[in-house]
N, C-alpha and C. Protein backbone atom coordinates (compact mmCIF):
# COMPACT_ATOMS: atom_id res chain seq x y z
N MET A 1 -21.96 -32.40 -44.30
CA MET A 1 -21.44 -33.79 -44.39
C MET A 1 -22.59 -34.73 -43.86
N GLY A 2 -22.99 -34.57 -42.62
CA GLY A 2 -24.02 -35.45 -41.98
C GLY A 2 -25.37 -35.19 -42.47
N LEU A 3 -26.02 -36.01 -43.11
CA LEU A 3 -27.42 -35.73 -43.59
C LEU A 3 -28.34 -35.96 -42.31
N LYS A 4 -29.31 -35.06 -42.26
CA LYS A 4 -30.37 -35.22 -41.21
C LYS A 4 -31.54 -35.93 -41.74
N SER A 5 -31.60 -36.15 -43.09
CA SER A 5 -32.63 -36.84 -43.73
C SER A 5 -32.81 -38.31 -43.31
N ARG A 6 -33.96 -38.85 -43.54
CA ARG A 6 -34.16 -40.34 -43.22
C ARG A 6 -34.47 -41.11 -44.53
N THR A 7 -34.82 -40.32 -45.61
CA THR A 7 -35.05 -40.97 -46.84
C THR A 7 -34.32 -40.27 -47.98
N LEU A 8 -34.17 -40.95 -49.11
CA LEU A 8 -33.50 -40.37 -50.20
C LEU A 8 -34.22 -39.10 -50.73
N LEU A 9 -35.51 -39.14 -50.69
CA LEU A 9 -36.30 -37.97 -51.14
C LEU A 9 -36.03 -36.75 -50.19
N GLU A 10 -35.92 -36.93 -48.94
CA GLU A 10 -35.62 -35.88 -48.02
C GLU A 10 -34.22 -35.35 -48.24
N ALA A 11 -33.31 -36.20 -48.56
CA ALA A 11 -31.90 -35.93 -48.85
C ALA A 11 -31.82 -34.92 -50.08
N VAL A 12 -32.65 -35.19 -51.06
CA VAL A 12 -32.67 -34.27 -52.21
C VAL A 12 -32.97 -32.82 -51.75
N ASP A 13 -33.97 -32.69 -50.90
CA ASP A 13 -34.31 -31.31 -50.32
C ASP A 13 -33.18 -30.78 -49.54
N GLU A 14 -32.35 -31.51 -48.98
CA GLU A 14 -31.26 -31.09 -48.11
C GLU A 14 -30.03 -30.80 -49.00
N LEU A 15 -29.71 -31.54 -50.06
CA LEU A 15 -28.51 -31.38 -50.81
C LEU A 15 -28.64 -30.33 -51.98
N VAL A 16 -29.77 -30.21 -52.55
CA VAL A 16 -29.93 -29.21 -53.67
C VAL A 16 -29.55 -27.84 -53.19
N PRO A 17 -30.05 -27.26 -52.17
CA PRO A 17 -29.66 -25.89 -51.76
C PRO A 17 -28.11 -25.88 -51.48
N LYS A 18 -27.52 -26.91 -50.95
CA LYS A 18 -26.06 -26.84 -50.67
C LYS A 18 -25.32 -26.80 -51.98
N ALA A 19 -25.73 -27.57 -52.97
CA ALA A 19 -25.14 -27.55 -54.27
C ALA A 19 -25.20 -26.23 -54.99
N LEU A 20 -26.32 -25.52 -54.77
CA LEU A 20 -26.60 -24.24 -55.49
C LEU A 20 -26.23 -22.99 -54.66
N HIS A 21 -25.75 -23.28 -53.45
CA HIS A 21 -25.33 -22.10 -52.64
C HIS A 21 -24.47 -21.18 -53.36
N GLY A 22 -24.71 -19.84 -53.26
CA GLY A 22 -23.85 -18.88 -53.94
C GLY A 22 -24.12 -18.61 -55.41
N THR A 23 -25.17 -19.22 -55.94
CA THR A 23 -25.53 -19.05 -57.39
C THR A 23 -26.90 -18.44 -57.50
N LYS A 24 -27.27 -17.80 -58.59
CA LYS A 24 -28.59 -17.26 -58.85
C LYS A 24 -29.63 -18.39 -58.78
N ALA A 25 -29.21 -19.58 -59.20
CA ALA A 25 -30.24 -20.76 -59.15
C ALA A 25 -30.52 -21.12 -57.83
N PHE A 26 -29.84 -20.59 -56.76
CA PHE A 26 -30.20 -20.97 -55.39
C PHE A 26 -31.59 -20.55 -55.01
N LEU A 27 -32.12 -19.51 -55.65
CA LEU A 27 -33.39 -19.02 -55.34
C LEU A 27 -34.48 -19.97 -55.81
N LYS A 28 -34.10 -20.85 -56.77
CA LYS A 28 -35.00 -21.82 -57.26
C LYS A 28 -34.67 -23.30 -56.77
N SER A 29 -34.07 -23.33 -55.56
CA SER A 29 -33.65 -24.72 -55.07
C SER A 29 -34.81 -25.59 -54.85
N ALA A 30 -35.98 -25.07 -54.36
CA ALA A 30 -37.09 -25.97 -54.13
C ALA A 30 -37.71 -26.49 -55.43
N GLU A 31 -37.71 -25.60 -56.49
CA GLU A 31 -38.11 -26.13 -57.81
C GLU A 31 -37.25 -27.10 -58.32
N THR A 32 -35.88 -26.93 -58.21
CA THR A 32 -34.94 -27.87 -58.76
C THR A 32 -35.16 -29.22 -57.97
N ALA A 33 -35.24 -29.21 -56.63
CA ALA A 33 -35.44 -30.40 -55.95
C ALA A 33 -36.66 -31.07 -56.34
N LYS A 34 -37.74 -30.41 -56.50
CA LYS A 34 -39.03 -30.96 -56.95
C LYS A 34 -38.86 -31.67 -58.30
N ALA A 35 -38.19 -31.00 -59.24
CA ALA A 35 -37.99 -31.64 -60.57
C ALA A 35 -37.18 -32.76 -60.46
N LEU A 36 -36.08 -32.80 -59.67
CA LEU A 36 -35.20 -33.98 -59.55
C LEU A 36 -35.95 -35.14 -58.94
N LYS A 37 -36.70 -34.89 -57.90
CA LYS A 37 -37.62 -35.93 -57.22
C LYS A 37 -38.49 -36.54 -58.21
N ALA A 38 -39.14 -35.75 -59.00
CA ALA A 38 -40.05 -36.23 -60.04
C ALA A 38 -39.39 -37.15 -61.06
N ASN A 39 -38.15 -36.96 -61.30
CA ASN A 39 -37.41 -37.83 -62.25
C ASN A 39 -36.68 -38.97 -61.64
N LEU A 40 -36.75 -39.22 -60.36
CA LEU A 40 -35.97 -40.33 -59.76
C LEU A 40 -36.32 -41.68 -60.32
N GLY A 41 -37.57 -41.78 -60.73
CA GLY A 41 -37.97 -43.06 -61.28
C GLY A 41 -37.67 -43.25 -62.71
N TYR A 42 -37.06 -42.19 -63.31
CA TYR A 42 -36.83 -42.09 -64.78
C TYR A 42 -35.36 -41.98 -65.06
N GLY A 43 -34.55 -42.56 -64.26
CA GLY A 43 -33.01 -42.53 -64.62
C GLY A 43 -32.25 -41.41 -63.99
N ALA A 44 -32.76 -40.70 -63.07
CA ALA A 44 -32.04 -39.61 -62.45
C ALA A 44 -31.29 -40.14 -61.25
N VAL A 45 -31.27 -41.35 -61.04
CA VAL A 45 -30.54 -41.93 -59.85
C VAL A 45 -29.99 -43.26 -60.26
N GLU A 46 -28.82 -43.52 -59.74
CA GLU A 46 -28.06 -44.80 -59.89
C GLU A 46 -27.63 -45.21 -58.56
N PHE A 47 -27.76 -46.58 -58.20
CA PHE A 47 -27.43 -47.07 -56.97
C PHE A 47 -26.15 -48.03 -57.12
N ARG A 48 -25.24 -47.88 -56.19
CA ARG A 48 -23.99 -48.76 -56.20
C ARG A 48 -23.59 -48.93 -54.79
N HIS A 49 -23.63 -50.11 -54.18
CA HIS A 49 -22.93 -50.45 -53.00
C HIS A 49 -23.23 -49.42 -51.87
N GLY A 50 -24.51 -49.07 -51.61
CA GLY A 50 -24.76 -48.12 -50.53
C GLY A 50 -24.65 -46.68 -50.95
N LEU A 51 -24.49 -46.50 -52.24
CA LEU A 51 -24.15 -45.09 -52.77
C LEU A 51 -25.35 -44.78 -53.77
N ALA A 52 -25.76 -43.56 -53.69
CA ALA A 52 -26.73 -43.06 -54.69
C ALA A 52 -26.12 -41.91 -55.46
N PHE A 53 -26.11 -41.98 -56.80
CA PHE A 53 -25.72 -40.90 -57.64
C PHE A 53 -27.01 -40.24 -58.12
N LEU A 54 -27.14 -38.98 -57.92
CA LEU A 54 -28.36 -38.28 -58.38
C LEU A 54 -27.83 -37.21 -59.37
N HIS A 55 -28.58 -37.01 -60.43
CA HIS A 55 -28.23 -36.08 -61.40
C HIS A 55 -29.40 -35.32 -62.02
N HIS A 56 -29.16 -34.13 -62.40
CA HIS A 56 -30.22 -33.26 -62.95
C HIS A 56 -29.65 -32.19 -63.80
N ARG A 57 -30.22 -31.94 -64.98
CA ARG A 57 -29.83 -30.92 -65.85
C ARG A 57 -30.87 -29.84 -65.98
N SER A 58 -30.47 -28.56 -66.07
CA SER A 58 -31.41 -27.45 -66.18
C SER A 58 -30.77 -26.27 -66.87
N GLU A 59 -31.53 -25.51 -67.61
CA GLU A 59 -31.00 -24.28 -68.22
C GLU A 59 -30.76 -23.22 -67.08
N GLU A 60 -31.34 -23.44 -65.91
CA GLU A 60 -31.17 -22.49 -64.85
C GLU A 60 -29.74 -22.45 -64.25
N PHE A 61 -28.94 -23.50 -64.49
CA PHE A 61 -27.65 -23.61 -63.96
C PHE A 61 -26.64 -22.98 -64.94
N ALA A 62 -25.76 -22.03 -64.44
CA ALA A 62 -24.69 -21.46 -65.26
C ALA A 62 -23.51 -22.25 -65.29
N GLU A 63 -23.35 -23.21 -64.33
CA GLU A 63 -22.18 -24.08 -64.23
C GLU A 63 -22.58 -25.31 -63.51
N SER A 64 -21.68 -26.34 -63.62
CA SER A 64 -21.95 -27.59 -63.00
C SER A 64 -21.64 -27.41 -61.42
N ARG A 65 -22.52 -28.02 -60.63
CA ARG A 65 -22.49 -28.00 -59.30
C ARG A 65 -22.66 -29.35 -58.56
N ALA A 66 -22.12 -29.62 -57.46
CA ALA A 66 -22.19 -30.89 -56.79
C ALA A 66 -22.28 -30.76 -55.29
N SER A 67 -22.83 -31.81 -54.69
CA SER A 67 -22.99 -31.82 -53.28
C SER A 67 -22.88 -33.36 -52.81
N LEU A 68 -22.27 -33.46 -51.66
CA LEU A 68 -22.12 -34.85 -51.14
C LEU A 68 -22.78 -34.91 -49.75
N GLY A 69 -23.57 -35.93 -49.51
CA GLY A 69 -24.17 -36.18 -48.18
C GLY A 69 -23.86 -37.53 -47.68
N ILE A 70 -23.64 -37.68 -46.38
CA ILE A 70 -23.36 -38.94 -45.72
C ILE A 70 -24.32 -39.20 -44.65
N SER A 71 -24.88 -40.38 -44.60
CA SER A 71 -25.75 -40.76 -43.55
C SER A 71 -25.22 -42.07 -42.80
N ARG A 72 -24.86 -41.85 -41.58
CA ARG A 72 -24.36 -42.98 -40.84
C ARG A 72 -25.34 -44.13 -40.64
N ASP A 73 -26.55 -43.87 -40.50
CA ASP A 73 -27.62 -44.89 -40.30
C ASP A 73 -28.17 -45.35 -41.59
N GLY A 74 -27.97 -44.63 -42.69
CA GLY A 74 -28.54 -45.07 -43.97
C GLY A 74 -29.88 -44.49 -44.19
N LEU A 75 -30.13 -44.21 -45.49
CA LEU A 75 -31.37 -43.66 -45.89
C LEU A 75 -32.23 -44.76 -46.52
N ASP A 76 -33.60 -44.56 -46.36
CA ASP A 76 -34.52 -45.42 -47.08
C ASP A 76 -34.53 -44.98 -48.48
N PRO A 77 -34.20 -45.84 -49.51
CA PRO A 77 -34.14 -45.31 -50.83
C PRO A 77 -35.50 -45.10 -51.48
N GLY A 78 -36.58 -45.64 -50.89
CA GLY A 78 -37.89 -45.39 -51.38
C GLY A 78 -38.21 -46.09 -52.70
N VAL A 79 -37.33 -47.00 -53.13
CA VAL A 79 -37.53 -47.70 -54.36
C VAL A 79 -37.32 -49.18 -54.00
N HIS A 80 -37.45 -50.05 -54.97
CA HIS A 80 -37.40 -51.52 -54.85
C HIS A 80 -35.97 -51.99 -54.83
N ILE A 81 -35.08 -51.46 -53.96
CA ILE A 81 -33.80 -52.10 -53.77
C ILE A 81 -33.66 -52.42 -52.28
N GLN A 82 -32.83 -53.44 -52.02
CA GLN A 82 -32.79 -54.04 -50.66
C GLN A 82 -31.92 -53.25 -49.73
N GLN A 83 -30.92 -52.53 -50.23
CA GLN A 83 -29.92 -51.89 -49.30
C GLN A 83 -30.23 -50.46 -49.07
N ARG A 84 -29.78 -50.03 -47.93
CA ARG A 84 -29.93 -48.63 -47.49
C ARG A 84 -28.86 -47.81 -48.17
N ILE A 85 -29.03 -46.56 -48.22
CA ILE A 85 -28.11 -45.63 -48.92
C ILE A 85 -27.35 -44.85 -47.85
N PHE A 86 -26.02 -44.91 -47.90
CA PHE A 86 -25.21 -44.22 -46.89
C PHE A 86 -24.52 -42.96 -47.44
N VAL A 87 -24.24 -42.90 -48.75
CA VAL A 87 -23.62 -41.81 -49.40
C VAL A 87 -24.40 -41.36 -50.58
N VAL A 88 -24.72 -40.05 -50.66
CA VAL A 88 -25.48 -39.48 -51.84
C VAL A 88 -24.67 -38.47 -52.48
N ALA A 89 -24.34 -38.70 -53.73
CA ALA A 89 -23.59 -37.76 -54.57
C ALA A 89 -24.50 -37.04 -55.56
N LEU A 90 -24.69 -35.78 -55.46
CA LEU A 90 -25.65 -35.04 -56.29
C LEU A 90 -24.80 -34.17 -57.25
N PHE A 91 -25.21 -34.28 -58.55
CA PHE A 91 -24.57 -33.52 -59.64
C PHE A 91 -25.60 -32.74 -60.33
N LEU A 92 -25.44 -31.44 -60.55
CA LEU A 92 -26.33 -30.60 -61.20
C LEU A 92 -25.53 -29.90 -62.39
N LYS A 93 -26.13 -30.04 -63.59
CA LYS A 93 -25.33 -29.52 -64.71
C LYS A 93 -26.25 -28.68 -65.63
N PRO A 94 -25.71 -27.66 -66.36
CA PRO A 94 -26.44 -26.93 -67.30
C PRO A 94 -26.87 -27.82 -68.43
N SER A 95 -28.04 -27.57 -69.00
CA SER A 95 -28.60 -28.39 -70.10
C SER A 95 -27.67 -28.45 -71.25
N ARG A 96 -27.00 -27.39 -71.53
CA ARG A 96 -26.12 -27.32 -72.68
C ARG A 96 -24.74 -28.00 -72.54
N ASP A 97 -24.47 -28.41 -71.34
CA ASP A 97 -23.17 -28.97 -71.02
C ASP A 97 -22.99 -30.42 -71.64
N PRO A 98 -22.01 -30.59 -72.45
CA PRO A 98 -21.75 -31.94 -72.99
C PRO A 98 -21.28 -32.90 -71.93
N GLY A 99 -21.24 -34.15 -72.27
CA GLY A 99 -20.69 -35.12 -71.36
C GLY A 99 -21.72 -35.83 -70.52
N PHE A 100 -21.21 -36.71 -69.60
CA PHE A 100 -21.98 -37.59 -68.78
C PHE A 100 -22.69 -36.81 -67.68
N ASP A 101 -23.84 -37.31 -67.24
CA ASP A 101 -24.56 -36.69 -66.21
C ASP A 101 -23.76 -36.84 -64.83
N ILE A 102 -23.12 -38.03 -64.72
CA ILE A 102 -22.29 -38.27 -63.55
C ILE A 102 -20.75 -38.31 -64.00
N PRO A 103 -20.04 -37.41 -63.56
CA PRO A 103 -18.61 -37.40 -63.95
C PRO A 103 -17.83 -38.68 -63.69
N LEU A 104 -17.00 -38.98 -64.71
CA LEU A 104 -16.24 -40.20 -64.66
C LEU A 104 -15.35 -40.30 -63.36
N TRP A 105 -14.82 -39.11 -63.01
CA TRP A 105 -13.95 -39.12 -61.80
C TRP A 105 -14.80 -39.60 -60.54
N ALA A 106 -16.12 -39.17 -60.53
CA ALA A 106 -16.92 -39.60 -59.34
C ALA A 106 -17.14 -41.07 -59.36
N ARG A 107 -17.39 -41.68 -60.55
CA ARG A 107 -17.53 -43.12 -60.61
C ARG A 107 -16.25 -43.80 -60.17
N ARG A 108 -15.13 -43.34 -60.67
CA ARG A 108 -13.87 -43.93 -60.25
C ARG A 108 -13.59 -43.89 -58.84
N LYS A 109 -13.83 -42.70 -58.18
CA LYS A 109 -13.52 -42.55 -56.78
C LYS A 109 -14.53 -43.25 -55.81
N LEU A 110 -15.84 -43.23 -56.24
CA LEU A 110 -16.88 -43.58 -55.24
C LEU A 110 -17.50 -44.99 -55.41
N CYS A 111 -17.23 -45.60 -56.56
CA CYS A 111 -17.96 -46.87 -56.85
C CYS A 111 -17.28 -48.11 -56.31
N ASN A 112 -17.09 -48.10 -55.07
CA ASN A 112 -16.62 -49.34 -54.36
C ASN A 112 -17.15 -49.41 -52.93
N GLU A 113 -17.33 -50.54 -52.43
CA GLU A 113 -17.85 -50.72 -51.04
C GLU A 113 -16.93 -50.19 -49.98
N ARG A 114 -15.60 -50.38 -50.23
CA ARG A 114 -14.66 -49.88 -49.20
C ARG A 114 -14.69 -48.38 -49.06
N THR A 115 -14.77 -47.66 -50.16
CA THR A 115 -14.87 -46.20 -50.10
C THR A 115 -16.13 -45.76 -49.41
N THR A 116 -17.19 -46.36 -49.79
CA THR A 116 -18.51 -46.01 -49.18
C THR A 116 -18.51 -46.22 -47.64
N TYR A 117 -17.86 -47.32 -47.24
CA TYR A 117 -17.76 -47.60 -45.82
C TYR A 117 -16.89 -46.55 -45.16
N ARG A 118 -15.70 -46.30 -45.72
CA ARG A 118 -14.87 -45.21 -45.14
C ARG A 118 -15.52 -43.91 -45.05
N LEU A 119 -16.33 -43.48 -46.04
CA LEU A 119 -16.99 -42.21 -46.00
C LEU A 119 -18.07 -42.29 -44.88
N ARG A 120 -18.74 -43.37 -44.85
CA ARG A 120 -19.87 -43.54 -43.88
C ARG A 120 -19.33 -43.44 -42.44
N THR A 121 -18.11 -43.92 -42.15
CA THR A 121 -17.58 -43.96 -40.86
C THR A 121 -16.65 -42.74 -40.52
N ALA A 122 -16.47 -41.85 -41.48
CA ALA A 122 -15.62 -40.66 -41.34
C ALA A 122 -16.14 -39.84 -40.15
N THR A 123 -15.15 -39.32 -39.39
CA THR A 123 -15.57 -38.55 -38.26
C THR A 123 -15.75 -37.08 -38.48
N ASP A 124 -15.16 -36.56 -39.46
CA ASP A 124 -15.32 -35.16 -39.70
C ASP A 124 -14.98 -34.81 -41.31
N LEU A 125 -15.10 -33.55 -41.57
CA LEU A 125 -14.99 -33.20 -42.93
C LEU A 125 -13.47 -33.35 -43.44
N ALA A 126 -12.52 -33.17 -42.55
CA ALA A 126 -11.15 -33.40 -42.94
C ALA A 126 -10.91 -34.86 -43.32
N VAL A 127 -11.49 -35.76 -42.60
CA VAL A 127 -11.37 -37.16 -42.91
C VAL A 127 -12.02 -37.50 -44.31
N VAL A 128 -13.21 -36.96 -44.53
CA VAL A 128 -13.93 -37.15 -45.84
C VAL A 128 -13.04 -36.68 -46.96
N LEU A 129 -12.50 -35.41 -46.85
CA LEU A 129 -11.70 -34.94 -47.88
C LEU A 129 -10.34 -35.77 -48.08
N GLY A 130 -9.82 -36.23 -46.99
CA GLY A 130 -8.74 -37.19 -47.20
C GLY A 130 -9.06 -38.46 -47.95
N ILE A 131 -10.19 -39.00 -47.63
CA ILE A 131 -10.64 -40.21 -48.29
C ILE A 131 -10.79 -39.90 -49.82
N LEU A 132 -11.42 -38.76 -50.09
CA LEU A 132 -11.76 -38.42 -51.49
C LEU A 132 -10.43 -38.16 -52.29
N GLN A 133 -9.43 -37.61 -51.63
CA GLN A 133 -8.20 -37.30 -52.27
C GLN A 133 -7.35 -38.56 -52.44
N SER A 134 -7.42 -39.51 -51.57
CA SER A 134 -6.57 -40.75 -51.60
C SER A 134 -7.24 -41.81 -52.42
N THR A 135 -8.48 -41.73 -52.76
CA THR A 135 -9.17 -42.87 -53.40
C THR A 135 -8.79 -42.87 -54.86
């Protein structure tokens, strides 16, 4: 839940292994993180109200995986936007998977300032899960 990272690039290194935990692709977490970071300037990230959606497709993934990170102090986005990032939602999908890179349910649940604030100020995982279930 709580990101130790100070920048969005560091958060990628922290979240990719969490998303791939328990899969064969976990062994290539560093390669996946490197590829994702290389594509951040080319549409692999969307920013909304203190939230960053990150997405990456690869043939290495057998199934879609996700990870959520929260930073109370905010992350430096490392790009030309004015606001800090408090919530990072990472989505990893197989190359062959049809559909959107960022699931519609994630956009509906996370794309508002109130939800971002509630997640940012959540005290523990149970509170985060409650926010995600009620939103």
